Structures are given as C-alpha cells and as structure tokens.
Amino acid sequence: MGVIPCHTCGQRVKPARSVRLRQMIDAPTGPDPDDRLYEQYERQMAFRRAFICERCYKALDTHYGTGAITAAGTAKRYSLSGDCRGGKAAVYDHAKWQRYQQRKAGELGIDLA
C-alpha cells in the first residue's frame, strides 16, 4: 500500500487530509496595491489544495486555523481555510490520492501512466 507525502512536515503517511492551505509569509513593507512585490505576496497567500498528515491537521484545525509546523528543524506558519476546519477535511487513502493526481495531470496535459 502506498503512502502520501505530507505537504507541511514532509512525512509519508496514509491516509492524509485534503485541505485548502497557505503558508503564512510576512507582507512587504509599505504595501502599495500597485507594487509588484505586493502583487506577488497576494498570489503567494492564496489558499491552495494540499494533502497533510493527521498530526499536522490536528495542529492547524483550531478556531483560527493557524499554527506552526516544524520540519527539518525549521518552523513554518500555515493557515487552514475555514471550510476545512472542524474535522471537515476529506480523508484520502493512497488510491484516491492517485486518482486525484492523475485527474489533475490530465487537466495539464500530462500522462502519468
């Protein structure tokens, strides 16, 4: 049976939670809506789908949905989308995760077979 890499801590687990996640980064100083650095910051702060282990999910599944996850000796701050909190994040086993990966690759014109 295969395993799924956790996006936040890097551990290979089964099963994993499918969440909408973003890594919290500091805003550039003096945010100006016309500033390219601020535009880049806004893109990086968008929620994206990720697969995380149960331990990381429990750390982030709080009222505010934020927390720090330590991997390879470095702590990074993450934020979990509100619709994934409260135990609502879907659980994926390896087969379901592979089907998702194949579907997304197909949308990009990539053949994983």
PDB file of N, CA and C in Angstrom:
ATOM      1  N   MET A   1       0.852  -1.183   0.000  1.00  0.00           N
ATOM      2  CA  MET A   1       0.000   0.000   0.000  1.00  0.00           C
ATOM      3  C   MET A   1       0.887   1.231   0.000  1.00  0.00           C
ATOM      4  N   GLY A   2       0.568   2.201  -0.830  1.00  0.00           N
ATOM      5  CA  GLY A   2       1.364   3.405  -0.986  1.00  0.00           C
ATOM      6  C   GLY A   2       1.124   4.418   0.114  1.00  0.00           C
ATOM      7  N   VAL A   3       1.968   5.426   0.103  1.00  0.00           N
ATOM      8  CA  VAL A   3       1.873   6.490   1.086  1.00  0.00           C
ATOM      9  C   VAL A   3       1.769   7.830   0.368  1.00  0.00           C
ATOM     10  N   ILE A   4       1.352   8.833   1.105  1.00  0.00           N
ATOM     11  CA  ILE A   4       1.146  10.181   0.586  1.00  0.00           C
ATOM     12  C   ILE A   4       2.095  11.118   1.328  1.00  0.00           C
ATOM     13  N   PRO A   5       2.841  11.971   0.613  1.00  0.00           N
ATOM     14  CA  PRO A   5       3.720  12.917   1.306  1.00  0.00           C
ATOM     15  C   PRO A   5       2.930  14.071   1.910  1.00  0.00           C
ATOM     16  N   CYS A   6       3.188  14.363   3.178  1.00  0.00           N
ATOM     17  CA  CYS A   6       2.539  15.485   3.852  1.00  0.00           C
ATOM     18  C   CYS A   6       3.165  16.787   3.347  1.00  0.00           C
ATOM     19  N   HIS A   7       2.347  17.715   2.921  1.00  0.00           N
ATOM     20  CA  HIS A   7       2.827  18.979   2.371  1.00  0.00           C
ATOM     21  C   HIS A   7       3.562  19.826   3.406  1.00  0.00           C
ATOM     22  N   THR A   8       3.151  19.748   4.656  1.00  0.00           N
ATOM     23  CA  THR A   8       3.718  20.630   5.665  1.00  0.00           C
ATOM     24  C   THR A   8       4.939  20.059   6.377  1.00  0.00           C
ATOM     25  N   CYS A   9       4.917  18.786   6.766  1.00  0.00           N
ATOM     26  CA  CYS A   9       6.043  18.228   7.519  1.00  0.00           C
ATOM     27  C   CYS A   9       6.913  17.286   6.691  1.00  0.00           C
ATOM     28  N   GLY A  10       6.422  16.861   5.550  1.00  0.00           N
ATOM     29  CA  GLY A  10       7.206  16.007   4.668  1.00  0.00           C
ATOM     30  C   GLY A  10       7.140  14.527   4.976  1.00  0.00           C
ATOM     31  N   GLN A  11       6.482  14.152   6.072  1.00  0.00           N
ATOM     32  CA  GLN A  11       6.367  12.727   6.383  1.00  0.00           C
ATOM     33  C   GLN A  11       5.505  12.041   5.345  1.00  0.00           C
ATOM     34  N   ARG A  12       5.790  10.780   5.129  1.00  0.00           N
ATOM     35  CA  ARG A  12       4.998   9.980   4.196  1.00  0.00           C
ATOM     36  C   ARG A  12       3.989   9.196   5.032  1.00  0.00           C
ATOM     37  N   VAL A  13       2.709   9.435   4.776  1.00  0.00           N
ATOM     38  CA  VAL A  13       1.661   8.895   5.636  1.00  0.00           C
ATOM     39  C   VAL A  13       0.562   8.235   4.820  1.00  0.00           C
ATOM     40  N   LYS A  14      -0.286   7.521   5.500  1.00  0.00           N
ATOM     41  CA  LYS A  14      -1.532   7.016   4.951  1.00  0.00           C
ATOM     42  C   LYS A  14      -2.506   6.911   6.095  1.00  0.00           C
ATOM     43  N   PRO A  15      -3.647   7.406   5.989  1.00  0.00           N
ATOM     44  CA  PRO A  15      -4.165   8.302   4.953  1.00  0.00           C
ATOM     45  C   PRO A  15      -3.727   9.746   5.211  1.00  0.00           C
ATOM     46  N   ALA A  16      -4.227  10.666   4.369  1.00  0.00           N
ATOM     47  CA  ALA A  16      -3.923  12.091   4.516  1.00  0.00           C
ATOM     48  C   ALA A  16      -5.216  12.886   4.402  1.00  0.00           C
ATOM     49  N   ARG A  17      -5.174  14.122   4.851  1.00  0.00           N
ATOM     50  CA  ARG A  17      -6.323  15.018   4.749  1.00  0.00           C
ATOM     51  C   ARG A  17      -6.134  15.952   3.557  1.00  0.00           C
ATOM     52  N   SER A  18      -7.194  16.149   2.809  1.00  0.00           N
ATOM     53  CA  SER A  18      -7.184  17.086   1.688  1.00  0.00           C
ATOM     54  C   SER A  18      -7.700  18.422   2.212  1.00  0.00           C
ATOM     55  N   VAL A  19      -6.850  19.442   2.172  1.00  0.00           N
ATOM     56  CA  VAL A  19      -7.200  20.743   2.747  1.00  0.00           C
ATOM     57  C   VAL A  19      -6.874  21.864   1.766  1.00  0.00           C
ATOM     58  N   ARG A  20      -7.418  23.030   2.062  1.00  0.00           N
ATOM     59  CA  ARG A  20      -7.009  24.257   1.380  1.00  0.00           C
ATOM     60  C   ARG A  20      -6.111  24.976   2.374  1.00  0.00           C
ATOM     61  N   LEU A  21      -4.872  25.227   1.960  1.00  0.00           N
ATOM     62  CA  LEU A  21      -3.816  25.644   2.867  1.00  0.00           C
ATOM     63  C   LEU A  21      -3.012  26.774   2.241  1.00  0.00           C
ATOM     64  N   ARG A  22      -2.451  27.607   3.097  1.00  0.00           N
ATOM     65  CA  ARG A  22      -1.481  28.590   2.625  1.00  0.00           C
ATOM     66  C   ARG A  22      -0.399  28.729   3.680  1.00  0.00           C
ATOM     67  N   GLN A  23       0.817  29.002   3.191  1.00  0.00           N
ATOM     68  CA  GLN A  23       1.917  29.264   4.105  1.00  0.00           C
ATOM     69  C   GLN A  23       1.887  30.745   4.414  1.00  0.00           C
ATOM     70  N   MET A  24       1.950  31.078   5.687  1.00  0.00           N
ATOM     71  CA  MET A  24       1.912  32.469   6.108  1.00  0.00           C
ATOM     72  C   MET A  24       3.287  33.091   5.914  1.00  0.00           C
ATOM     73  N   ILE A  25       3.321  34.178   5.190  1.00  0.00           N
ATOM     74  CA  ILE A  25       4.569  34.905   4.974  1.00  0.00           C
ATOM     75  C   ILE A  25       4.337  36.360   5.344  1.00  0.00           C
ATOM     76  N   ASP A  26       5.409  37.056   5.633  1.00  0.00           N
ATOM     77  CA  ASP A  26       5.297  38.453   6.013  1.00  0.00           C
ATOM     78  C   ASP A  26       5.019  39.316   4.791  1.00  0.00           C
ATOM     79  N   ALA A  27       4.146  40.291   4.966  1.00  0.00           N
ATOM     80  CA  ALA A  27       3.825  41.223   3.885  1.00  0.00           C
ATOM     81  C   ALA A  27       5.012  42.137   3.645  1.00  0.00           C
ATOM     82  N   PRO A  28       5.206  42.543   2.403  1.00  0.00           N
ATOM     83  CA  PRO A  28       6.282  43.502   2.145  1.00  0.00           C
ATOM     84  C   PRO A  28       5.983  44.810   2.856  1.00  0.00           C
ATOM     85  N   THR A  29       7.023  45.516   3.226  1.00  0.00           N
ATOM     86  CA  THR A  29       6.817  46.779   3.931  1.00  0.00           C
ATOM     87  C   THR A  29       6.179  47.797   2.999  1.00  0.00           C
ATOM     88  N   GLY A  30       5.294  48.598   3.563  1.00  0.00           N
ATOM     89  CA  GLY A  30       4.617  49.635   2.795  1.00  0.00           C
ATOM     90  C   GLY A  30       3.808  49.091   1.634  1.00  0.00           C
ATOM     91  N   PRO A  31       2.843  48.183   1.916  1.00  0.00           N
ATOM     92  CA  PRO A  31       2.096  47.587   0.805  1.00  0.00           C
ATOM     93  C   PRO A  31       1.374  48.647  -0.023  1.00  0.00           C
ATOM     94  N   ASP A  32       1.660  48.625  -1.290  1.00  0.00           N
ATOM     95  CA  ASP A  32       1.021  49.504  -2.259  1.00  0.00           C
ATOM     96  C   ASP A  32       0.352  48.586  -3.268  1.00  0.00           C
ATOM     97  N   PRO A  33      -0.965  48.696  -3.457  1.00  0.00           N
ATOM     98  CA  PRO A  33      -1.663  47.799  -4.388  1.00  0.00           C
ATOM     99  C   PRO A  33      -1.057  47.777  -5.788  1.00  0.00           C
ATOM    100  N   ASP A  34      -0.316  48.807  -6.172  1.00  0.00           N
ATOM    101  CA  ASP A  34       0.309  48.827  -7.489  1.00  0.00           C
ATOM    102  C   ASP A  34       1.731  48.262  -7.462  1.00  0.00           C
ATOM    103  N   ASP A  35       2.217  47.896  -6.300  1.00  0.00           N
ATOM    104  CA  ASP A  35       3.571  47.399  -6.142  1.00  0.00           C
ATOM    105  C   ASP A  35       3.656  45.924  -6.556  1.00  0.00           C
ATOM    106  N   ARG A  36       4.652  45.568  -7.367  1.00  0.00           N
ATOM    107  CA  ARG A  36       4.814  44.180  -7.826  1.00  0.00           C
ATOM    108  C   ARG A  36       5.087  43.224  -6.678  1.00  0.00           C
ATOM    109  N   LEU A  37       5.847  43.657  -5.682  1.00  0.00           N
ATOM    110  CA  LEU A  37       6.102  42.792  -4.526  1.00  0.00           C
ATOM    111  C   LEU A  37       4.807  42.469  -3.798  1.00  0.00           C
ATOM    112  N   TYR A  38       3.929  43.442  -3.686  1.00  0.00           N
ATOM    113  CA  TYR A  38       2.658  43.195  -3.006  1.00  0.00           C
ATOM    114  C   TYR A  38       1.769  42.277  -3.838  1.00  0.00           C
ATOM    115  N   GLU A  39       1.794  42.405  -5.156  1.00  0.00           N
ATOM    116  CA  GLU A  39       1.025  41.505  -6.018  1.00  0.00           C
ATOM    117  C   GLU A  39       1.526  40.073  -5.860  1.00  0.00           C
ATOM    118  N   GLN A  40       2.835  39.909  -5.807  1.00  0.00           N
ATOM    119  CA  GLN A  40       3.416  38.587  -5.607  1.00  0.00           C
ATOM    120  C   GLN A  40       3.006  38.035  -4.239  1.00  0.00           C
ATOM    121  N   TYR A  41       3.027  38.886  -3.234  1.00  0.00           N
ATOM    122  CA  TYR A  41       2.600  38.485  -1.889  1.00  0.00           C
ATOM    123  C   TYR A  41       1.153  37.993  -1.911  1.00  0.00           C
ATOM    124  N   GLU A  42       0.274  38.712  -2.578  1.00  0.00           N
ATOM    125  CA  GLU A  42      -1.135  38.309  -2.649  1.00  0.00           C
ATOM    126  C   GLU A  42      -1.289  36.951  -3.325  1.00  0.00           C
ATOM    127  N   ARG A  43      -0.539  36.693  -4.388  1.00  0.00           N
ATOM    128  CA  ARG A  43      -0.609  35.389  -5.070  1.00  0.00           C
ATOM    129  C   ARG A  43      -0.121  34.275  -4.155  1.00  0.00           C
ATOM    130  N   GLN A  44       0.957  34.532  -3.419  1.00  0.00           N
ATOM    131  CA  GLN A  44       1.504  33.509  -2.533  1.00  0.00           C
ATOM    132  C   GLN A  44       0.577  33.224  -1.352  1.00  0.00           C
ATOM    133  N   MET A  45      -0.237  34.170  -0.978  1.00  0.00           N
ATOM    134  CA  MET A  45      -1.124  33.994   0.168  1.00  0.00           C
ATOM    135  C   MET A  45      -2.461  33.360  -0.206  1.00  0.00           C
ATOM    136  N   ALA A  46      -2.632  32.973  -1.443  1.00  0.00           N
ATOM    137  CA  ALA A  46      -3.869  32.305  -1.847  1.00  0.00           C
ATOM    138  C   ALA A  46      -3.905  30.896  -1.253  1.00  0.00           C
ATOM    139  N   PHE A  47      -5.104  30.440  -0.895  1.00  0.00           N
ATOM    140  CA  PHE A  47      -5.263  29.067  -0.418  1.00  0.00           C
ATOM    141  C   PHE A  47      -5.145  28.121  -1.608  1.00  0.00           C
ATOM    142  N   ARG A  48      -4.409  27.028  -1.408  1.00  0.00           N
ATOM    143  CA  ARG A  48      -4.245  26.014  -2.437  1.00  0.00           C
ATOM    144  C   ARG A  48      -4.485  24.639  -1.819  1.00  0.00           C
ATOM    145  N   ARG A  49      -4.916  23.705  -2.650  1.00  0.00           N
ATOM    146  CA  ARG A  49      -5.145  22.356  -2.150  1.00  0.00           C
ATOM    147  C   ARG A  49      -3.819  21.713  -1.800  1.00  0.00           C
ATOM    148  N   ALA A  50      -3.824  21.026  -0.673  1.00  0.00           N
ATOM    149  CA  ALA A  50      -2.641  20.290  -0.213  1.00  0.00           C
ATOM    150  C   ALA A  50      -3.110  19.064   0.554  1.00  0.00           C
ATOM    151  N   PHE A  51      -2.239  18.102   0.671  1.00  0.00           N
ATOM    152  CA  PHE A  51      -2.513  16.897   1.434  1.00  0.00           C
ATOM    153  C   PHE A  51      -1.573  16.888   2.622  1.00  0.00           C
ATOM    154  N   ILE A  52      -2.156  16.799   3.820  1.00  0.00           N
ATOM    155  CA  ILE A  52      -1.354  16.852   5.040  1.00  0.00           C
ATOM    156  C   ILE A  52      -1.691  15.669   5.945  1.00  0.00           C
ATOM    157  N   CYS A  53      -0.743  15.337   6.811  1.00  0.00           N
ATOM    158  CA  CYS A  53      -0.946  14.215   7.726  1.00  0.00           C
ATOM    159  C   CYS A  53      -1.915  14.608   8.848  1.00  0.00           C
ATOM    160  N   GLU A  54      -2.377  13.612   9.546  1.00  0.00           N
ATOM    161  CA  GLU A  54      -3.340  13.831  10.633  1.00  0.00           C
ATOM    162  C   GLU A  54      -2.742  14.687  11.752  1.00  0.00           C
ATOM    163  N   ARG A  55      -1.450  14.489  12.056  1.00  0.00           N
ATOM    164  CA  ARG A  55      -0.806  15.264  13.114  1.00  0.00           C
ATOM    165  C   ARG A  55      -0.794  16.752  12.760  1.00  0.00           C
ATOM    166  N   CYS A  56      -0.424  17.081  11.530  1.00  0.00           N
ATOM    167  CA  CYS A  56      -0.408  18.482  11.107  1.00  0.00           C
ATOM    168  C   CYS A  56      -1.829  19.039  11.040  1.00  0.00           C
ATOM    169  N   TYR A  57      -2.765  18.212  10.599  1.00  0.00           N
ATOM    170  CA  TYR A  57      -4.155  18.664  10.541  1.00  0.00           C
ATOM    171  C   TYR A  57      -4.661  19.032  11.931  1.00  0.00           C
ATOM    172  N   LYS A  58      -4.368  18.198  12.906  1.00  0.00           N
ATOM    173  CA  LYS A  58      -4.811  18.489  14.275  1.00  0.00           C
ATOM    174  C   LYS A  58      -4.176  19.771  14.802  1.00  0.00           C
ATOM    175  N   ALA A  59      -2.921  20.030  14.419  1.00  0.00           N
ATOM    176  CA  ALA A  59      -2.239  21.250  14.869  1.00  0.00           C
ATOM    177  C   ALA A  59      -2.872  22.495  14.249  1.00  0.00           C
ATOM    178  N   LEU A  60      -3.399  22.384  13.039  1.00  0.00           N
ATOM    179  CA  LEU A  60      -3.972  23.540  12.339  1.00  0.00           C
ATOM    180  C   LEU A  60      -5.490  23.657  12.473  1.00  0.00           C
ATOM    181  N   ASP A  61      -6.149  22.574  12.861  1.00  0.00           N
ATOM    182  CA  ASP A  61      -7.607  22.572  12.957  1.00  0.00           C
ATOM    183  C   ASP A  61      -8.045  23.208  14.281  1.00  0.00           C
ATOM    184  N   THR A  62      -7.851  24.533  14.351  1.00  0.00           N
ATOM    185  CA  THR A  62      -8.188  25.310  15.535  1.00  0.00           C
ATOM    186  C   THR A  62      -9.202  26.377  15.161  1.00  0.00           C
ATOM    187  N   HIS A  63      -9.621  27.148  16.131  1.00  0.00           N
ATOM    188  CA  HIS A  63     -10.576  28.226  15.882  1.00  0.00           C
ATOM    189  C   HIS A  63     -10.063  29.185  14.807  1.00  0.00           C
ATOM    190  N   TYR A  64      -8.793  29.547  14.894  1.00  0.00           N
ATOM    191  CA  TYR A  64      -8.201  30.486  13.926  1.00  0.00           C
ATOM    192  C   TYR A  64      -7.619  29.781  12.715  1.00  0.00           C
ATOM    193  N   GLY A  65      -7.383  28.478  12.810  1.00  0.00           N
ATOM    194  CA  GLY A  65      -6.857  27.717  11.688  1.00  0.00           C
ATOM    195  C   GLY A  65      -5.414  28.009  11.354  1.00  0.00           C
ATOM    196  N   THR A  66      -4.661  28.496  12.309  1.00  0.00           N
ATOM    197  CA  THR A  66      -3.251  28.792  12.051  1.00  0.00           C
ATOM    198  C   THR A  66      -2.377  28.061  13.050  1.00  0.00           C
ATOM    199  N   GLY A  67      -1.139  27.861  12.651  1.00  0.00           N
ATOM    200  CA  GLY A  67      -0.196  27.228  13.545  1.00  0.00           C
ATOM    201  C   GLY A  67       1.145  27.061  12.876  1.00  0.00           C
ATOM    202  N   ALA A  68       2.123  26.666  13.652  1.00  0.00           N
ATOM    203  CA  ALA A  68       3.470  26.443  13.134  1.00  0.00           C
ATOM    204  C   ALA A  68       3.728  24.947  13.064  1.00  0.00           C
ATOM    205  N   ILE A  69       4.308  24.527  11.964  1.00  0.00           N
ATOM    206  CA  ILE A  69       4.692  23.133  11.771  1.00  0.00           C
ATOM    207  C   ILE A  69       6.208  23.113  11.595  1.00  0.00           C
ATOM    208  N   THR A  70       6.872  22.263  12.363  1.00  0.00           N
ATOM    209  CA  THR A  70       8.322  22.169  12.277  1.00  0.00           C
ATOM    210  C   THR A  70       8.707  20.967  11.429  1.00  0.00           C
ATOM    211  N   ALA A  71       9.530  21.228  10.420  1.00  0.00           N
ATOM    212  CA  ALA A  71      10.047  20.168   9.556  1.00  0.00           C
ATOM    213  C   ALA A  71      11.501  20.490   9.250  1.00  0.00           C
ATOM    214  N   ALA A  72      12.343  19.493   9.348  1.00  0.00           N
ATOM    215  CA  ALA A  72      13.779  19.652   9.082  1.00  0.00           C
ATOM    216  C   ALA A  72      14.374  20.777   9.932  1.00  0.00           C
ATOM    217  N   GLY A  73      13.900  20.901  11.167  1.00  0.00           N
ATOM    218  CA  GLY A  73      14.434  21.890  12.087  1.00  0.00           C
ATOM    219  C   GLY A  73      13.972  23.317  11.864  1.00  0.00           C
ATOM    220  N   THR A  74      13.074  23.524  10.911  1.00  0.00           N
ATOM    221  CA  THR A  74      12.579  24.863  10.609  1.00  0.00           C
ATOM    222  C   THR A  74      11.070  24.912  10.814  1.00  0.00           C
ATOM    223  N   ALA A  75      10.612  25.917  11.542  1.00  0.00           N
ATOM    224  CA  ALA A  75       9.171  26.091  11.767  1.00  0.00           C
ATOM    225  C   ALA A  75       8.614  27.040  10.717  1.00  0.00           C
ATOM    226  N   LYS A  76       7.509  26.638  10.104  1.00  0.00           N
ATOM    227  CA  LYS A  76       6.811  27.491   9.141  1.00  0.00           C
ATOM    228  C   LYS A  76       5.371  27.652   9.616  1.00  0.00           C
ATOM    229  N   ARG A  77       4.835  28.840   9.409  1.00  0.00           N
ATOM    230  CA  ARG A  77       3.453  29.116   9.810  1.00  0.00           C
ATOM    231  C   ARG A  77       2.515  28.827   8.639  1.00  0.00           C
ATOM    232  N   TYR A  78       1.398  28.181   8.956  1.00  0.00           N
ATOM    233  CA  TYR A  78       0.396  27.840   7.947  1.00  0.00           C
ATOM    234  C   TYR A  78      -0.975  28.292   8.409  1.00  0.00           C
ATOM    235  N   SER A  79      -1.850  28.453   7.433  1.00  0.00           N
ATOM    236  CA  SER A  79      -3.234  28.807   7.706  1.00  0.00           C
ATOM    237  C   SER A  79      -4.129  27.846   6.933  1.00  0.00           C
ATOM    238  N   LEU A  80      -5.120  27.326   7.624  1.00  0.00           N
ATOM    239  CA  LEU A  80      -6.071  26.374   7.068  1.00  0.00           C
ATOM    240  C   LEU A  80      -7.359  27.113   6.729  1.00  0.00           C
ATOM    241  N   SER A  81      -7.896  26.886   5.551  1.00  0.00           N
ATOM    242  CA  SER A  81      -9.141  27.528   5.136  1.00  0.00           C
ATOM    243  C   SER A  81     -10.282  27.134   6.082  1.00  0.00           C
ATOM    244  N   GLY A  82     -11.196  28.056   6.300  1.00  0.00           N
ATOM    245  CA  GLY A  82     -12.310  27.817   7.217  1.00  0.00           C
ATOM    246  C   GLY A  82     -13.170  26.627   6.852  1.00  0.00           C
ATOM    247  N   ASP A  83     -13.328  26.348   5.552  1.00  0.00           N
ATOM    248  CA  ASP A  83     -14.182  25.232   5.152  1.00  0.00           C
ATOM    249  C   ASP A  83     -13.527  23.868   5.394  1.00  0.00           C
ATOM    250  N   CYS A  84     -12.264  23.852   5.792  1.00  0.00           N
ATOM    251  CA  CYS A  84     -11.560  22.597   6.087  1.00  0.00           C
ATOM    252  C   CYS A  84     -11.424  22.349   7.587  1.00  0.00           C
ATOM    253  N   ARG A  85     -11.852  23.306   8.392  1.00  0.00           N
ATOM    254  CA  ARG A  85     -11.714  23.183   9.846  1.00  0.00           C
ATOM    255  C   ARG A  85     -12.867  22.388  10.440  1.00  0.00           C
ATOM    256  N   GLY A  86     -12.732  22.077  11.697  1.00  0.00           N
ATOM    257  CA  GLY A  86     -13.798  21.368  12.407  1.00  0.00           C
ATOM    258  C   GLY A  86     -13.927  19.922  11.978  1.00  0.00           C
ATOM    259  N   GLY A  87     -12.819  19.322  11.551  1.00  0.00           N
ATOM    260  CA  GLY A  87     -12.852  17.921  11.138  1.00  0.00           C
ATOM    261  C   GLY A  87     -13.498  17.699   9.790  1.00  0.00           C
ATOM    262  N   LYS A  88     -13.751  18.773   9.009  1.00  0.00           N
ATOM    263  CA  LYS A  88     -14.462  18.648   7.739  1.00  0.00           C
ATOM    264  C   LYS A  88     -13.575  18.282   6.548  1.00  0.00           C
ATOM    265  N   ALA A  89     -12.260  18.291   6.716  1.00  0.00           N
ATOM    266  CA  ALA A  89     -11.367  17.980   5.602  1.00  0.00           C
ATOM    267  C   ALA A  89     -11.500  16.512   5.206  1.00  0.00           C
ATOM    268  N   ALA A  90     -11.605  16.277   3.910  1.00  0.00           N
ATOM    269  CA  ALA A  90     -11.747  14.913   3.397  1.00  0.00           C
ATOM    270  C   ALA A  90     -10.498  14.088   3.675  1.00  0.00           C
ATOM    271  N   VAL A  91     -10.721  12.804   3.923  1.00  0.00           N
ATOM    272  CA  VAL A  91      -9.626  11.871   4.155  1.00  0.00           C
ATOM    273  C   VAL A  91      -9.373  11.111   2.851  1.00  0.00           C
ATOM    274  N   TYR A  92      -8.108  11.087   2.421  1.00  0.00           N
ATOM    275  CA  TYR A  92      -7.722  10.408   1.191  1.00  0.00           C
ATOM    276  C   TYR A  92      -6.801   9.243   1.518  1.00  0.00           C
ATOM    277  N   ASP A  93      -7.131   8.061   0.969  1.00  0.00           N
ATOM    278  CA  ASP A  93      -6.190   6.951   1.018  1.00  0.00           C
ATOM    279  C   ASP A  93      -5.313   7.057  -0.234  1.00  0.00           C
ATOM    280  N   HIS A  94      -4.353   6.161  -0.376  1.00  0.00           N
ATOM    281  CA  HIS A  94      -3.416   6.262  -1.488  1.00  0.00           C
ATOM    282  C   HIS A  94      -4.109   6.146  -2.844  1.00  0.00           C
ATOM    283  N   ALA A  95      -5.058   5.238  -2.982  1.00  0.00           N
ATOM    284  CA  ALA A  95      -5.743   5.053  -4.266  1.00  0.00           C
ATOM    285  C   ALA A  95      -6.527   6.307  -4.665  1.00  0.00           C
ATOM    286  N   LYS A  96      -7.232   6.897  -3.718  1.00  0.00           N
ATOM    287  CA  LYS A  96      -7.999   8.115  -4.005  1.00  0.00           C
ATOM    288  C   LYS A  96      -7.056   9.277  -4.334  1.00  0.00           C
ATOM    289  N   TRP A  97      -5.921   9.362  -3.626  1.00  0.00           N
ATOM    290  CA  TRP A  97      -4.924  10.396  -3.887  1.00  0.00           C
ATOM    291  C   TRP A  97      -4.339  10.231  -5.291  1.00  0.00           C
ATOM    292  N   GLN A  98      -4.042   8.982  -5.693  1.00  0.00           N
ATOM    293  CA  GLN A  98      -3.508   8.742  -7.033  1.00  0.00           C
ATOM    294  C   GLN A  98      -4.513   9.143  -8.107  1.00  0.00           C
ATOM    295  N   ARG A  99      -5.788   8.840  -7.904  1.00  0.00           N
ATOM    296  CA  ARG A  99      -6.817   9.250  -8.874  1.00  0.00           C
ATOM    297  C   ARG A  99      -6.862  10.768  -8.993  1.00  0.00           C
ATOM    298  N   TYR A 100      -6.752  11.460  -7.869  1.00  0.00           N
ATOM    299  CA  TYR A 100      -6.728  12.924  -7.891  1.00  0.00           C
ATOM    300  C   TYR A 100      -5.509  13.421  -8.673  1.00  0.00           C
ATOM    301  N   GLN A 101      -4.335  12.845  -8.399  1.00  0.00           N
ATOM    302  CA  GLN A 101      -3.116  13.251  -9.098  1.00  0.00           C
ATOM    303  C   GLN A 101      -3.238  13.023 -10.601  1.00  0.00           C
ATOM    304  N   GLN A 102      -3.794  11.893 -11.004  1.00  0.00           N
ATOM    305  CA  GLN A 102      -3.972  11.591 -12.424  1.00  0.00           C
ATOM    306  C   GLN A 102      -4.953  12.553 -13.076  1.00  0.00           C
ATOM    307  N   ARG A 103      -6.030  12.877 -12.380  1.00  0.00           N
ATOM    308  CA  ARG A 103      -7.020  13.813 -12.937  1.00  0.00           C
ATOM    309  C   ARG A 103      -6.396  15.196 -13.132  1.00  0.00           C
ATOM    310  N   LYS A 104      -5.657  15.670 -12.145  1.00  0.00           N
ATOM    311  CA  LYS A 104      -5.016  16.984 -12.258  1.00  0.00           C
ATOM    312  C   LYS A 104      -3.944  16.984 -13.345  1.00  0.00           C
ATOM    313  N   ALA A 105      -3.181  15.902 -13.442  1.00  0.00           N
ATOM    314  CA  ALA A 105      -2.168  15.804 -14.504  1.00  0.00           C
ATOM    315  C   ALA A 105      -2.847  15.820 -15.867  1.00  0.00           C
ATOM    316  N   GLY A 106      -3.968  15.120 -15.998  1.00  0.00           N
ATOM    317  CA  GLY A 106      -4.709  15.118 -17.260  1.00  0.00           C
ATOM    318  C   GLY A 106      -5.196  16.499 -17.653  1.00  0.00           C
ATOM    319  N   GLU A 107      -5.611  17.287 -16.655  1.00  0.00           N
ATOM    320  CA  GLU A 107      -6.049  18.657 -16.925  1.00  0.00           C
ATOM    321  C   GLU A 107      -4.896  19.505 -17.457  1.00  0.00           C
ATOM    322  N   LEU A 108      -3.661  19.141 -17.090  1.00  0.00           N
ATOM    323  CA  LEU A 108      -2.476  19.879 -17.560  1.00  0.00           C
ATOM    324  C   LEU A 108      -1.869  19.255 -18.811  1.00  0.00           C
ATOM    325  N   GLY A 109      -2.484  18.161 -19.297  1.00  0.00           N
ATOM    326  CA  GLY A 109      -1.971  17.501 -20.487  1.00  0.00           C
ATOM    327  C   GLY A 109      -0.788  16.592 -20.223  1.00  0.00           C
ATOM    328  N   ILE A 110      -0.642  16.140 -18.980  1.00  0.00           N
ATOM    329  CA  ILE A 110       0.465  15.268 -18.599  1.00  0.00           C
ATOM    330  C   ILE A 110      -0.064  13.851 -18.466  1.00  0.00           C
ATOM    331  N   ASP A 111       0.629  12.881 -19.056  1.00  0.00           N
ATOM    332  CA  ASP A 111       0.224  11.491 -18.960  1.00  0.00           C
ATOM    333  C   ASP A 111       1.079  10.798 -17.908  1.00  0.00           C
ATOM    334  N   LEU A 112       0.474  10.411 -16.783  1.00  0.00           N
ATOM    335  CA  LEU A 112       1.205   9.757 -15.694  1.00  0.00           C
ATOM    336  C   LEU A 112       1.268   8.262 -15.830  1.00  0.00           C
ATOM    337  N   ALA A 113       0.570   7.705 -16.800  1.00  0.00           N
ATOM    338  CA  ALA A 113       0.522   6.239 -16.944  1.00  0.00           C
ATOM    339  C   ALA A 113       1.762   5.653 -17.525  1.00  0.00           C
TER     340      ALA A 113
END
